[in-house]
Protein backbone atom coordinates (compact mmCIF):
# COMPACT_ATOMS: atom_id res chain seq x y z
CA MET A 1 167.78 253.19 -51.11
CA ALA A 2 165.72 256.25 -50.29
CA ALA A 3 162.96 256.99 -47.83
CA SER A 4 159.50 256.14 -49.12
CA ALA A 5 157.05 259.00 -48.69
CA VAL A 6 154.12 256.66 -49.37
CA GLY A 7 155.32 254.22 -46.71
CA ILE A 8 155.81 256.96 -44.12
CA ILE A 9 152.40 258.52 -44.81
CA THR A 10 150.74 255.09 -44.56
CA LEU A 11 152.42 254.42 -41.20
CA LEU A 12 151.21 257.76 -39.86
CA ALA A 13 147.68 256.96 -41.06
CA VAL A 14 147.85 253.58 -39.30
CA LEU A 15 148.92 255.26 -36.05
CA LEU A 16 146.10 257.82 -36.24
CA ALA A 17 143.30 255.41 -37.21
CA GLY A 18 142.90 253.89 -33.76
CA PRO A 19 142.80 257.16 -31.75
CA LEU A 20 140.27 258.55 -34.23
CA ALA A 21 138.04 255.48 -33.80
CA TRP A 22 138.34 255.78 -30.02
CA ALA A 23 137.44 259.48 -30.11
CA VAL A 24 134.33 258.80 -32.22
CA ALA A 25 133.26 255.91 -29.97
CA THR A 26 133.78 258.04 -26.86
CA TYR A 27 131.67 260.83 -28.32
CA VAL A 28 128.86 258.43 -29.23
CA GLN A 29 129.00 256.82 -25.77
CA ARG A 30 128.78 260.18 -24.03
CA ARG A 31 125.76 261.10 -26.14
CA ARG A 32 124.12 257.81 -25.18
CA LYS A 33 124.87 258.36 -21.50
CA GLY A 34 123.33 261.77 -21.75
CA ASN A 35 120.12 260.17 -23.02
CA GLY A 36 119.98 257.46 -20.35
CA PRO A 37 121.81 254.47 -18.94
CA SER A 38 123.70 252.22 -21.32
CA ALA A 39 122.84 248.58 -21.69
CA ASP A 40 124.66 245.87 -19.83
CA GLY A 41 127.49 247.86 -18.41
CA ALA A 42 129.04 249.79 -21.25
CA ALA A 43 130.08 252.70 -19.10
CA GLU A 44 133.57 253.82 -18.24
CA ALA A 45 135.94 251.71 -16.23
CA GLY A 46 135.51 251.97 -12.49
CA VAL A 47 136.22 250.22 -9.22
CA SER A 48 134.32 247.51 -7.37
CA GLU A 49 134.75 245.69 -4.12
CA GLY A 50 136.34 242.27 -4.35
CA GLN A 51 138.32 239.79 -2.31
CA VAL A 52 141.64 238.05 -2.73
CA ASP A 53 141.80 235.03 -0.45
CA GLY A 54 139.65 236.77 2.12
CA THR A 55 141.48 240.10 1.91
CA ALA A 56 139.19 242.96 0.93
CA THR A 57 140.44 244.92 -2.08
CA GLN A 58 139.20 247.41 -4.60
CA ARG A 59 139.37 245.77 -8.01
CA GLU A 60 139.59 248.02 -11.03
CA GLU A 61 136.79 247.36 -13.49
CA MET A 62 136.65 247.45 -17.27
CA SER A 63 133.62 248.67 -19.17
CA GLY A 64 131.76 246.22 -21.37
CA VAL A 65 133.35 247.66 -24.51
CA ALA A 66 136.86 247.53 -23.03
CA TYR A 67 136.32 243.96 -21.84
CA THR A 68 135.13 242.82 -25.27
CA LEU A 69 137.98 244.60 -27.06
CA SER A 70 140.55 243.07 -24.72
CA LEU A 71 139.23 239.56 -25.31
CA LEU A 72 139.05 240.17 -29.06
CA GLY A 73 142.63 241.34 -29.09
CA TYR A 74 143.67 238.36 -26.99
CA ALA A 75 141.95 235.86 -29.28
CA ILE A 76 142.85 237.37 -32.67
CA GLY A 77 146.60 236.92 -32.97
CA LEU A 78 149.37 236.20 -35.45
CA GLY A 79 148.14 232.65 -36.06
CA ASN A 80 144.84 233.92 -37.46
CA LEU A 81 146.54 235.62 -40.36
CA TRP A 82 149.19 233.17 -41.48
CA ARG A 83 148.91 229.82 -39.65
CA PHE A 84 145.19 229.29 -40.22
CA PRO A 85 145.30 229.85 -44.02
CA TYR A 86 148.39 227.66 -44.26
CA LEU A 87 146.63 224.78 -42.48
CA VAL A 88 143.52 225.19 -44.63
CA GLY A 89 145.65 224.76 -47.73
CA LYS A 90 147.64 221.89 -46.29
CA TRP A 91 144.64 219.83 -45.18
CA GLY A 92 142.19 219.75 -48.02
CA GLY A 93 140.60 223.20 -47.96
CA GLY A 94 136.96 222.82 -46.91
CA ALA A 95 137.65 219.55 -45.09
CA PHE A 96 139.93 221.37 -42.64
CA ILE A 97 137.34 224.12 -42.10
CA ILE A 98 134.76 221.48 -41.14
CA ALA A 99 137.20 219.91 -38.66
CA TYR A 100 138.03 223.39 -37.34
CA LEU A 101 134.37 224.23 -36.73
CA VAL A 102 133.70 220.88 -35.04
CA CYS A 103 136.63 221.42 -32.65
CA LEU A 104 135.48 225.00 -32.10
CA LEU A 105 132.02 223.85 -30.98
CA LEU A 106 132.99 220.78 -28.96
CA VAL A 107 136.20 221.93 -27.29
CA ALA A 108 137.27 225.55 -27.61
CA ILE A 109 134.01 227.46 -26.98
CA PRO A 110 133.03 225.39 -23.91
CA ALA A 111 136.49 225.86 -22.40
CA TYR A 112 136.49 229.59 -23.13
CA LEU A 113 132.99 230.16 -21.74
CA MET A 114 133.78 228.12 -18.64
CA GLU A 115 136.85 230.27 -17.89
CA MET A 116 134.96 233.53 -18.41
CA VAL A 117 132.17 232.52 -16.03
CA MET A 118 134.56 231.29 -13.32
CA GLY A 119 136.57 234.52 -13.54
CA GLN A 120 133.50 236.74 -13.24
CA TYR A 121 132.06 234.63 -10.42
CA THR A 122 135.16 234.57 -8.21
CA ARG A 123 136.48 238.02 -9.25
CA LYS A 124 140.02 236.75 -8.80
CA SER A 125 143.04 236.10 -10.97
CA THR A 126 143.62 232.52 -12.11
CA VAL A 127 145.57 231.26 -9.08
CA GLY A 128 143.11 232.84 -6.64
CA CYS A 129 140.16 231.55 -8.64
CA PHE A 130 141.43 227.97 -8.63
CA LYS A 131 142.30 228.14 -4.94
CA MET A 132 138.81 229.43 -4.11
CA ILE A 133 137.19 226.62 -6.13
CA HIS A 134 139.44 224.15 -4.29
CA PRO A 135 143.07 224.53 -3.12
CA ARG A 136 144.03 221.27 -4.83
CA TRP A 137 143.96 223.14 -8.15
CA ASP A 138 146.33 225.98 -7.30
CA GLY A 139 149.27 224.02 -8.73
CA LEU A 140 147.53 224.24 -12.11
CA GLY A 141 147.32 228.01 -11.64
CA TYR A 142 151.04 228.24 -10.88
CA GLY A 143 151.77 226.13 -13.96
CA GLN A 144 149.76 228.56 -16.07
CA ALA A 145 151.69 231.47 -14.55
CA LEU A 146 154.95 229.83 -15.63
CA ILE A 147 153.50 229.31 -19.10
CA LEU A 148 152.83 233.05 -19.32
CA LEU A 149 156.48 233.76 -18.54
CA LEU A 150 157.64 231.38 -21.23
CA VAL A 151 155.25 232.55 -23.93
CA MET A 152 155.80 236.27 -23.33
CA ALA A 153 159.57 235.76 -23.54
CA TYR A 154 159.46 234.33 -27.05
CA TYR A 155 156.21 235.64 -28.55
CA ASN A 156 157.37 239.24 -28.66
CA VAL A 157 160.41 238.18 -30.70
CA LEU A 158 157.96 237.45 -33.52
CA LEU A 159 156.72 241.01 -33.12
CA ALA A 160 160.32 242.18 -33.28
CA TYR A 161 160.49 240.58 -36.74
CA ALA A 162 157.45 242.67 -37.72
CA ILE A 163 159.12 245.84 -36.38
CA ILE A 164 162.15 245.19 -38.61
CA TYR A 165 159.90 244.66 -41.64
CA ILE A 166 157.87 247.81 -40.92
CA ALA A 167 161.14 249.79 -40.78
CA GLY A 168 162.20 248.17 -44.06
CA SER A 169 158.88 249.15 -45.62
CA LEU A 170 159.77 252.82 -45.19
CA VAL A 171 162.53 252.67 -47.79
CA ASP A 172 162.32 252.25 -51.56
CA PRO A 173 163.04 249.73 -52.96
CA LEU A 174 162.17 247.23 -50.23
CA PRO A 175 165.38 245.77 -48.75
CA TRP A 176 164.16 242.21 -49.42
CA ALA A 177 163.15 242.93 -53.03
CA ASP A 178 166.01 240.92 -54.53
CA ASP A 179 165.76 237.82 -52.30
CA SER A 180 163.17 237.71 -49.52
CA LYS A 181 164.32 234.31 -48.25
CA ASN A 182 167.93 235.46 -47.91
CA TYR A 183 166.81 238.68 -46.20
CA PHE A 184 164.86 236.80 -43.54
CA ASN A 185 167.38 234.04 -42.93
CA VAL A 186 170.55 236.16 -43.11
CA GLU A 187 169.73 239.82 -42.51
CA VAL A 188 167.06 239.28 -39.84
CA LEU A 189 167.88 235.92 -38.22
CA ASN A 190 171.53 235.41 -39.25
CA GLY A 191 170.86 231.73 -38.55
CA TYR A 192 173.24 228.81 -38.95
CA ASP A 193 173.34 226.66 -42.07
CA ASP A 194 173.40 223.49 -39.96
CA TYR A 195 173.21 222.42 -36.30
CA VAL A 196 176.47 220.44 -36.09
CA GLY A 197 178.56 221.65 -33.17
CA LYS A 198 176.48 224.82 -32.81
CA GLY A 199 175.03 226.47 -29.71
CA LEU A 200 172.64 229.40 -29.42
CA GLY A 201 175.31 231.82 -30.65
CA PRO A 202 175.57 235.58 -30.07
CA VAL A 203 172.63 237.97 -29.74
CA GLN A 204 171.75 239.76 -33.00
CA TRP A 205 171.65 243.51 -32.39
CA LYS A 206 168.82 244.23 -34.86
CA LEU A 207 166.53 241.77 -33.14
CA ALA A 208 167.56 242.95 -29.67
CA LEU A 209 166.81 246.57 -30.58
CA ALA A 210 163.46 245.70 -32.19
CA LEU A 211 162.51 243.60 -29.16
CA LEU A 212 163.31 246.56 -26.90
CA VAL A 213 160.89 248.71 -28.94
CA VAL A 214 158.15 246.10 -28.51
CA TRP A 215 158.56 245.96 -24.74
CA LEU A 216 158.61 249.76 -24.48
CA ILE A 217 155.25 249.80 -26.28
CA VAL A 218 153.92 247.19 -23.84
CA PHE A 219 155.15 249.19 -20.85
CA ALA A 220 153.64 252.45 -22.09
CA SER A 221 150.30 250.73 -22.71
CA LEU A 222 150.01 248.86 -19.40
CA ALA A 223 151.82 250.97 -16.82
CA PHE A 224 149.15 253.59 -16.22
CA GLY A 225 145.97 251.60 -15.74
CA LYS A 226 143.15 250.16 -17.78
CA LYS A 227 141.78 253.47 -19.06
CA ILE A 228 145.02 254.01 -20.99
CA LEU A 229 145.02 250.37 -22.12
CA THR A 230 141.44 250.76 -23.38
CA LYS A 231 142.52 253.65 -25.59
CA VAL A 232 145.47 251.64 -26.89
CA THR A 233 143.26 248.66 -27.75
CA TRP A 234 141.23 250.87 -30.06
CA VAL A 235 144.43 251.07 -32.12
CA THR A 236 145.44 247.43 -31.82
CA VAL A 237 141.97 245.89 -32.33
CA VAL A 238 140.18 248.28 -34.69
CA GLY A 239 143.35 248.98 -36.69
CA PRO A 240 143.98 245.40 -37.88
CA ILE A 241 140.34 245.00 -38.94
CA VAL A 242 140.45 248.14 -41.09
CA MET A 243 143.86 247.26 -42.51
CA LEU A 244 142.78 243.69 -43.27
CA VAL A 245 139.76 244.91 -45.23
CA VAL A 246 142.06 247.15 -47.28
CA LEU A 247 144.44 244.23 -47.89
CA VAL A 248 141.63 241.94 -49.01
CA LEU A 249 140.07 244.49 -51.38
CA ARG A 250 143.43 245.17 -53.02
CA SER A 251 144.79 241.60 -53.01
CA VAL A 252 141.85 239.98 -54.78
CA THR A 253 142.55 242.15 -57.84
CA LEU A 254 146.07 240.74 -58.35
CA ASP A 255 146.94 238.46 -61.27
CA GLY A 256 146.58 234.85 -60.15
CA ALA A 257 144.51 235.78 -57.09
CA GLY A 258 141.65 233.60 -58.33
CA ASP A 259 143.87 230.52 -58.35
CA GLY A 260 144.89 231.21 -54.78
CA ILE A 261 141.29 231.69 -53.62
CA GLU A 262 140.19 228.54 -55.45
CA PHE A 263 142.90 226.60 -53.62
CA TYR A 264 141.74 228.12 -50.33
CA ILE A 265 137.98 227.45 -50.47
CA GLY A 266 137.31 225.77 -53.80
CA LYS A 267 138.44 222.26 -52.96
CA PHE A 268 137.20 219.63 -50.54
CA ASP A 269 139.39 216.61 -49.95
CA SER A 270 137.06 214.30 -48.02
CA GLU A 271 139.78 211.66 -47.56
CA VAL A 272 141.67 213.80 -45.06
CA LEU A 273 138.68 213.76 -42.69
CA GLY A 274 139.97 210.35 -41.59
CA ASP A 275 143.49 211.64 -40.94
CA LEU A 276 144.17 212.09 -37.20
CA ASP A 277 146.97 214.53 -37.93
CA MET A 278 144.48 216.83 -39.64
CA TRP A 279 142.14 216.73 -36.64
CA ALA A 280 145.07 217.37 -34.33
CA SER A 281 146.01 220.43 -36.41
CA ALA A 282 142.43 221.74 -36.44
CA CYS A 283 141.94 221.31 -32.69
CA SER A 284 145.30 222.83 -31.82
CA GLN A 285 144.70 225.82 -34.12
CA ILE A 286 141.44 226.89 -32.50
CA LEU A 287 142.65 226.11 -28.98
CA PHE A 288 145.76 228.20 -29.44
CA SER A 289 143.77 231.00 -31.05
CA LEU A 290 141.19 231.40 -28.26
CA SER A 291 143.84 230.12 -25.79
CA PRO A 292 141.77 228.63 -22.98
CA GLY A 293 144.25 227.05 -20.60
CA PHE A 294 146.41 230.16 -20.25
CA GLY A 295 144.13 231.49 -17.51
CA THR A 296 143.98 234.89 -19.20
CA ALA A 297 140.24 234.73 -19.88
CA ILE A 298 139.70 234.04 -16.16
CA THR A 299 141.77 237.01 -15.08
CA MET A 300 140.32 239.41 -17.67
CA SER A 301 136.79 238.35 -16.68
CA SER A 302 137.55 239.05 -13.03
CA TYR A 303 137.85 242.73 -14.01
CA THR A 304 134.57 242.98 -15.89
CA ARG A 305 131.43 244.32 -14.28
CA PRO A 306 129.43 241.90 -12.12
CA LYS A 307 126.39 242.49 -14.39
CA GLU A 308 128.25 241.89 -17.66
CA ASN A 309 126.73 239.23 -19.90
CA VAL A 310 129.82 237.04 -20.39
CA PHE A 311 127.78 234.43 -22.29
CA ARG A 312 126.98 236.93 -25.03
CA THR A 313 130.51 238.34 -24.97
CA CYS A 314 131.91 234.84 -25.44
CA MET A 315 129.76 234.30 -28.54
CA VAL A 316 130.79 237.68 -30.00
CA VAL A 317 134.50 237.00 -29.48
CA VAL A 318 134.32 233.48 -30.88
CA VAL A 319 132.46 234.54 -34.05
CA CYS A 320 134.74 237.53 -34.68
CA ASN A 321 137.88 235.45 -34.09
CA SER A 322 136.91 232.79 -36.63
CA ALA A 323 135.59 235.37 -39.10
CA PHE A 324 138.93 237.20 -38.97
CA SER A 325 140.76 233.94 -39.72
CA LEU A 326 138.50 233.13 -42.66
CA LEU A 327 138.68 236.66 -44.09
CA GLY A 328 142.44 236.78 -43.65
CA GLY A 329 142.73 233.66 -45.77
CA PHE A 330 141.37 235.53 -48.79
CA ALA A 331 144.13 238.14 -48.52
CA ILE A 332 146.90 235.60 -47.90
CA PHE A 333 145.93 233.20 -50.69
CA SER A 334 145.32 236.02 -53.17
CA ILE A 335 148.93 237.07 -52.61
CA VAL A 336 150.19 233.47 -52.73
CA GLY A 337 148.26 232.96 -55.98
CA ASN A 338 149.96 236.03 -57.43
CA ILE A 339 153.38 234.77 -56.34
CA THR A 340 152.68 231.49 -58.13
CA PHE A 341 151.51 233.36 -61.22
CA ARG A 342 154.65 235.51 -61.38
CA LEU A 343 157.00 232.56 -60.84
CA ASN A 344 155.40 230.54 -63.61
CA ALA A 345 155.37 233.56 -65.93
CA ALA A 346 159.12 233.85 -65.36
CA GLY A 347 159.72 230.20 -66.29
CA GLY A 348 158.89 228.32 -63.08
CA VAL A 349 161.18 227.16 -60.29
CA LEU A 350 164.28 224.99 -60.26
CA ASP A 351 163.71 221.26 -59.70
CA GLU A 352 166.74 220.21 -57.64
CA ALA A 353 166.33 216.54 -58.65
CA THR A 354 166.46 217.15 -62.42
CA GLY A 355 168.04 220.57 -62.62
CA ALA A 356 165.22 221.72 -64.92
CA MET A 357 162.80 224.63 -64.51
CA VAL A 358 159.27 223.40 -63.74
CA ALA A 359 155.94 225.07 -63.05
CA THR A 360 155.09 225.58 -59.38
CA THR A 361 151.69 225.43 -57.67
CA VAL A 362 149.82 227.43 -55.06
CA ALA A 363 150.11 224.44 -52.70
CA GLU A 364 153.90 224.50 -52.94
CA GLN A 365 154.14 228.23 -52.34
CA ALA A 366 151.70 228.04 -49.40
CA SER A 367 153.79 225.43 -47.58
CA ALA A 368 156.33 227.91 -46.23
CA GLY A 369 155.15 227.49 -42.63
CA THR A 370 156.45 230.28 -40.36
CA GLY A 371 158.17 231.81 -43.37
CA LEU A 372 154.82 232.30 -45.09
CA ALA A 373 154.50 235.78 -43.55
CA PHE A 374 158.13 236.86 -43.55
CA ILE A 375 159.29 235.27 -46.82
CA ALA A 376 156.48 234.45 -49.25
CA ILE A 377 154.11 237.31 -48.36
CA ALA A 378 156.98 239.77 -47.99
CA ASP A 379 158.02 238.87 -51.51
CA GLY A 380 154.41 239.21 -52.67
CA MET A 381 154.35 242.87 -51.61
CA ARG A 382 156.22 243.70 -54.83
CA ALA A 383 153.09 242.92 -56.84
CA PHE A 384 151.35 246.11 -55.66
CA GLY A 385 153.40 248.37 -57.94
CA SER A 386 153.44 251.98 -56.78
CA GLY A 387 151.56 250.89 -53.64
CA THR A 388 154.23 248.38 -52.61
CA ASN A 389 155.50 250.32 -49.61
CA ALA A 390 152.00 251.25 -48.44
CA MET A 391 150.72 247.68 -48.59
CA SER A 392 153.89 246.39 -46.93
CA VAL A 393 153.42 248.83 -44.05
CA LEU A 394 149.78 247.75 -43.75
CA PHE A 395 150.51 244.03 -43.71
CA PHE A 396 153.31 244.07 -41.16
CA SER A 397 151.47 246.62 -39.02
CA VAL A 398 148.58 244.15 -38.91
CA LEU A 399 150.98 241.44 -37.71
CA LEU A 400 152.43 243.75 -35.05
CA THR A 401 149.11 244.98 -33.69
CA LEU A 402 147.62 241.48 -33.65
CA GLY A 403 150.55 240.27 -31.57
CA LEU A 404 150.51 243.26 -29.23
CA ASP A 405 146.91 242.58 -28.19
CA SER A 406 147.80 239.05 -27.07
CA THR A 407 150.86 240.34 -25.21
CA PHE A 408 148.78 243.00 -23.44
CA CYS A 409 146.41 240.36 -22.07
CA TRP A 410 149.18 237.96 -21.03
CA ALA A 411 151.12 240.76 -19.35
CA GLU A 412 148.02 242.08 -17.55
CA THR A 413 147.31 238.57 -16.30
CA PHE A 414 150.81 238.11 -14.93
CA VAL A 415 150.85 241.54 -13.29
CA CYS A 416 147.52 240.65 -11.65
CA TYR A 417 149.11 237.47 -10.26
CA VAL A 418 151.87 239.55 -8.68
CA GLU A 419 149.50 242.16 -7.23
CA ASP A 420 147.13 239.55 -5.80
CA TYR A 421 150.06 237.63 -4.31
CA LEU A 422 151.33 240.74 -2.55
CA LEU A 423 147.86 241.38 -1.12
CA VAL A 424 147.59 237.82 0.18
CA THR A 425 151.03 237.82 1.80
CA GLY A 426 150.53 241.25 3.34
CA GLY A 427 153.53 242.68 1.54
CA THR A 428 153.82 246.31 0.51
CA LYS A 429 152.36 246.70 -2.94
CA PRO A 430 154.55 248.84 -5.21
CA ALA A 431 153.01 251.26 -7.68
CA HIS A 432 151.41 249.53 -10.65
CA TRP A 433 153.88 251.06 -13.10
CA LYS A 434 156.82 249.71 -11.13
CA ILE A 435 155.48 246.14 -11.27
CA VAL A 436 154.85 246.50 -15.00
CA GLY A 437 158.33 247.95 -15.51
CA CYS A 438 160.05 245.12 -13.64
CA MET A 439 158.08 242.51 -15.56
CA CYS A 440 158.92 244.12 -18.92
CA ALA A 441 162.62 244.29 -18.02
CA VAL A 442 162.75 240.63 -16.99
CA MET A 443 160.81 239.52 -20.06
CA TYR A 444 163.13 241.50 -22.32
CA LEU A 445 166.21 239.86 -20.84
CA MET A 446 164.62 236.41 -21.20
CA GLY A 447 163.66 237.25 -24.77
CA LEU A 448 167.29 237.88 -25.72
CA LEU A 449 167.77 234.10 -25.75
CA TYR A 450 165.49 234.04 -28.80
CA CYS A 451 167.45 236.85 -30.48
CA THR A 452 170.50 234.63 -30.91
CA ARG A 453 171.57 232.92 -34.12
CA MET A 454 169.67 229.79 -33.10
CA GLY A 455 166.83 231.70 -31.47
CA ILE A 456 164.07 230.69 -33.88
CA GLU A 457 164.84 227.00 -33.31
CA LEU A 458 164.71 227.52 -29.53
CA LEU A 459 161.42 229.37 -29.99
CA ASP A 460 159.92 226.47 -31.91
CA ILE A 461 161.07 223.95 -29.29
CA VAL A 462 159.67 225.87 -26.31
CA ASP A 463 156.41 226.58 -28.14
CA HIS A 464 155.92 222.89 -28.96
CA TYR A 465 156.99 221.16 -25.76
CA CYS A 466 155.72 223.71 -23.26
CA ILE A 467 152.85 225.64 -24.77
CA THR A 468 151.30 222.96 -26.98
CA TYR A 469 151.43 220.19 -24.40
CA TYR A 470 150.52 222.21 -21.34
CA LEU A 471 147.59 224.06 -22.88
CA LEU A 472 146.00 220.75 -23.84
CA LEU A 473 146.56 219.34 -20.36
CA ALA A 474 145.32 222.53 -18.69
CA VAL A 475 142.04 222.51 -20.66
CA ALA A 476 141.37 218.91 -19.61
CA LEU A 477 142.21 219.59 -15.95
CA GLU A 478 140.00 222.68 -15.91
CA ALA A 479 137.12 220.52 -17.15
CA PHE A 480 137.70 218.10 -14.26
CA MET A 481 137.89 221.00 -11.81
CA PHE A 482 134.61 222.37 -13.12
CA THR A 483 132.89 218.97 -12.90
CA TRP A 484 134.11 218.06 -9.40
CA ASP A 485 134.31 221.37 -7.55
CA PHE A 486 132.57 224.25 -9.38
CA GLY A 487 129.51 222.52 -10.76
CA TRP A 488 127.12 222.94 -13.64
CA ARG A 489 124.31 224.23 -11.45
CA ARG A 490 126.44 227.06 -10.03
CA PHE A 491 127.47 227.94 -13.59
CA VAL A 492 123.87 228.24 -14.83
CA VAL A 493 122.62 230.12 -11.77
CA HIS A 494 125.45 232.64 -11.91
CA VAL A 495 124.97 233.49 -15.60
CA LYS A 496 121.25 234.07 -15.05
CA LEU A 497 121.65 235.98 -11.79
CA ALA A 498 124.48 238.18 -13.11
CA THR A 499 122.44 239.26 -16.13
CA PHE A 500 119.07 239.58 -14.38
CA GLY A 501 117.66 243.07 -14.83
CA ASN A 502 119.88 244.07 -17.74
CA LEU A 503 118.12 245.90 -20.55
CA ARG A 504 118.71 243.10 -23.05
CA THR A 505 118.07 240.27 -20.56
CA PRO A 506 115.51 241.50 -17.99
CA LEU A 507 114.86 237.92 -16.79
CA GLY A 508 118.50 236.85 -17.00
CA GLN A 509 120.53 235.03 -19.63
CA ASP A 510 119.85 231.32 -20.06
CA VAL A 511 122.71 229.02 -21.06
CA ILE A 512 121.17 227.58 -24.22
CA PRO A 513 121.08 224.94 -25.48
CA SER A 514 121.85 223.66 -21.99
CA ALA A 515 122.13 219.98 -22.97
CA PHE A 516 124.84 220.79 -25.52
CA TRP A 517 126.92 222.91 -23.14
CA TRP A 518 126.62 220.34 -20.35
CA TYR A 519 127.77 217.51 -22.61
CA ALA A 520 130.61 219.54 -24.18
CA ILE A 521 132.10 220.72 -20.87
CA HIS A 522 131.82 217.34 -19.15
CA PHE A 523 132.84 215.05 -21.99
CA THR A 524 134.05 216.30 -25.37
CA MET A 525 136.25 219.07 -23.99
CA PRO A 526 138.43 216.91 -21.69
CA ALA A 527 138.33 213.84 -23.96
CA CYS A 528 139.54 215.66 -27.08
CA SER A 529 142.21 217.60 -25.20
CA LEU A 530 143.65 214.49 -23.52
CA PHE A 531 143.50 212.52 -26.76
CA LEU A 532 145.44 215.22 -28.59
CA PHE A 533 147.95 215.46 -25.71
CA PHE A 534 148.80 211.75 -25.81
CA TYR A 535 148.69 211.59 -29.61
CA ILE A 536 151.32 214.33 -29.91
CA PHE A 537 153.34 212.73 -27.11
CA SER A 538 153.44 209.37 -28.90
CA SER A 539 154.42 211.07 -32.16
CA ASP A 540 157.31 212.90 -30.49
CA VAL A 541 158.54 209.71 -28.82
CA ASP A 542 158.53 207.88 -32.16
CA GLU A 543 160.28 210.72 -34.01
CA PRO A 544 161.98 213.71 -32.31
CA TYR A 545 160.18 216.94 -33.08
CA GLY A 546 161.48 219.07 -35.94
CA GLY A 547 164.74 217.18 -36.42
CA TYR A 548 166.47 219.49 -33.97
CA PRO A 549 169.68 218.46 -32.13
CA ASP A 550 169.47 216.44 -28.92
CA TRP A 551 170.44 219.34 -26.65
CA LEU A 552 167.49 221.41 -27.92
CA GLN A 553 165.15 218.44 -27.51
CA GLY A 554 166.46 218.12 -23.96
CA ILE A 555 165.58 221.74 -23.20
CA GLY A 556 162.03 221.16 -24.44
CA TRP A 557 161.46 217.97 -22.46
CA SER A 558 163.04 219.49 -19.32
CA CYS A 559 160.78 222.55 -19.43
CA LEU A 560 157.72 220.34 -19.88
CA ALA A 561 158.82 218.13 -16.96
CA ALA A 562 159.15 221.22 -14.73
CA LEU A 563 155.62 222.35 -15.62
CA LEU A 564 154.20 218.89 -14.96
CA ALA A 565 155.99 218.79 -11.60
CA VAL A 566 154.35 222.04 -10.47
CA THR A 567 150.81 221.02 -11.39
CA PRO A 568 150.08 218.42 -8.64
CA LEU A 569 151.51 220.55 -5.79
CA GLY A 570 148.01 221.69 -4.83
CA PHE A 571 146.83 218.09 -4.49
CA VAL A 572 149.77 217.27 -2.23
CA ARG A 573 149.22 220.34 -0.04
CA THR A 574 145.49 219.60 0.23
CA LEU A 575 146.16 216.04 1.40
CA MET A 576 148.60 217.32 4.02
CA LEU A 577 146.54 220.27 5.30
CA GLY A 578 143.01 219.05 4.65
CA THR A 579 141.85 222.40 3.21
CA GLY A 580 138.69 222.72 1.14
CA SER A 581 136.71 224.98 -1.19
CA THR A 582 135.84 228.52 -0.12
CA LEU A 583 133.09 228.99 -2.69
CA PRO A 584 129.83 230.26 -1.18
CA PRO A 585 127.14 227.58 -0.73
CA LEU A 586 125.21 226.88 -3.93
CA GLU A 587 121.97 227.30 -1.98
CA GLN A 588 122.93 230.93 -1.35
CA ASP A 589 123.18 231.65 -5.07
CA GLU A 590 119.94 229.82 -5.79
CA ALA A 591 118.14 231.74 -3.06
CA ALA A 592 119.39 235.05 -4.48
CA LEU A 593 118.16 234.12 -7.95
CA ALA A 594 114.84 232.90 -6.63
CA ALA A 595 114.39 236.18 -4.77
CA ALA A 596 115.24 238.13 -7.91
CA LEU A 597 112.71 236.16 -9.92
CA GLY A 598 110.11 236.54 -7.21
CA ILE A 599 109.69 232.84 -6.43
CA THR A 600 110.18 230.99 -3.18
CA SER A 601 111.03 227.47 -4.24
CA THR A 602 114.40 226.22 -5.46
CA LEU A 603 114.67 226.40 -9.23
CA PRO A 604 114.52 223.10 -11.09
CA PRO A 605 117.84 221.75 -12.41
């Protein structure tokens, strides 16, 4: 093997693309500021007055651009590029897309918008926001904080895989050229052949080293404030979009790409619309992509400017997130179509039942699950000829940067929890970089559990039992919290008052169509989330998830039980202490809006 000059040059270009985009955007913004004020808060990050449980504090603010980029990075993650296309192929092509869009409209967007408005209104992190709405909900906030710990510990291990593949892309020939499946399972994971009598096993040094690199990137990006993070997000948000466009343009020209694209969007299996498993997959995909229920959208929105139009930002993020998923499918299935073409041209694949070589299909090659990115697509990189190393660097850099954006938001949210807690308790607040450093160190040590020989199985268990279940429950509980203690009227008044006087919304932003949003938040959002929660629960009771050994199943159920035990603590404390909401009276908000609009009577509902 020798170093690949093409791969190295491509990696350098990837690293420089983001800073160049940021420099151009900064220049344009400064020219605009020189000509007059920017619209709706697109200026530099600053500081505003806020409160944390009654304690006055200066809360660092993000500009409108930084806020939008952060939410885009948070929403567009690894699942957009490989899980979404896989599910489209598995569940009837266009039929799945219809189910996906229905769940997007009736569940995910309402939950996401609700969190953004509550975060901007209270200007607090998730725990503080819930406690201000009513202390009985702070247990839900603590549960979401624990979820952040769990997800950050394992999610970055997936990014460590990408680091290893980027490093491999810098040599020629690619180290997985002979057998991509063996490379992933043996060289990267070194997993066991079976689970009999096996434990987690020793830590694999390659994964541990790659994970350390990931957490060092996170520390360098977060430790020195949001201005530095804004510059980094130009790399991790703009970069994947540019790289994806390049991948699509090149992939669709491959032999067999048309068969892959036809499989992706050219079929519509109407029968699967009656399959509950398909609807469960569609709902879970969009929920876990936008990720309402983590509390991150609440915390990120607490840092945006009080005059920011979060309604419009929500629509922008939602459209871009789904568009990225749909566009990514063209690149993925073009490559899968080419893999199928090459296999059939070479004589097909071995049928284990008959021992004969038979033709394979796009559907069979697209069913690799998690391995779709690190086995099938990695193998497909060989189809690019002299551009193999360049395209391999591009693809795995996209995976890395997509994952980093989500990690940045989760880590920022957790650090905010810690800082707000120290302010409330009156403790001495360490420097921001020290808090970030301690968090990164702890998360790295926790992540080593997933770098063991059975780490990927542990990852799957924790993701299913903790993240899947609790996100669904959290979305439903947030809907109940909104209905009982925050209120639709406060929601509408705040959005209009916050945007009143902006250049694009001089009379304030209306929540339209109001009847749809009211119905979705009060009914479809909690109903669908709870239905999916109990449907998955019944399925796991009937048949243990994934066929994993009992001790792994026990870890999953135990973690879920701990999360469920934390959630009602706020209700218990409220019953004992008799505390109530600290939200300002609704009449105060209505009076402020009425004064802004120049009317004296209370606005109609």
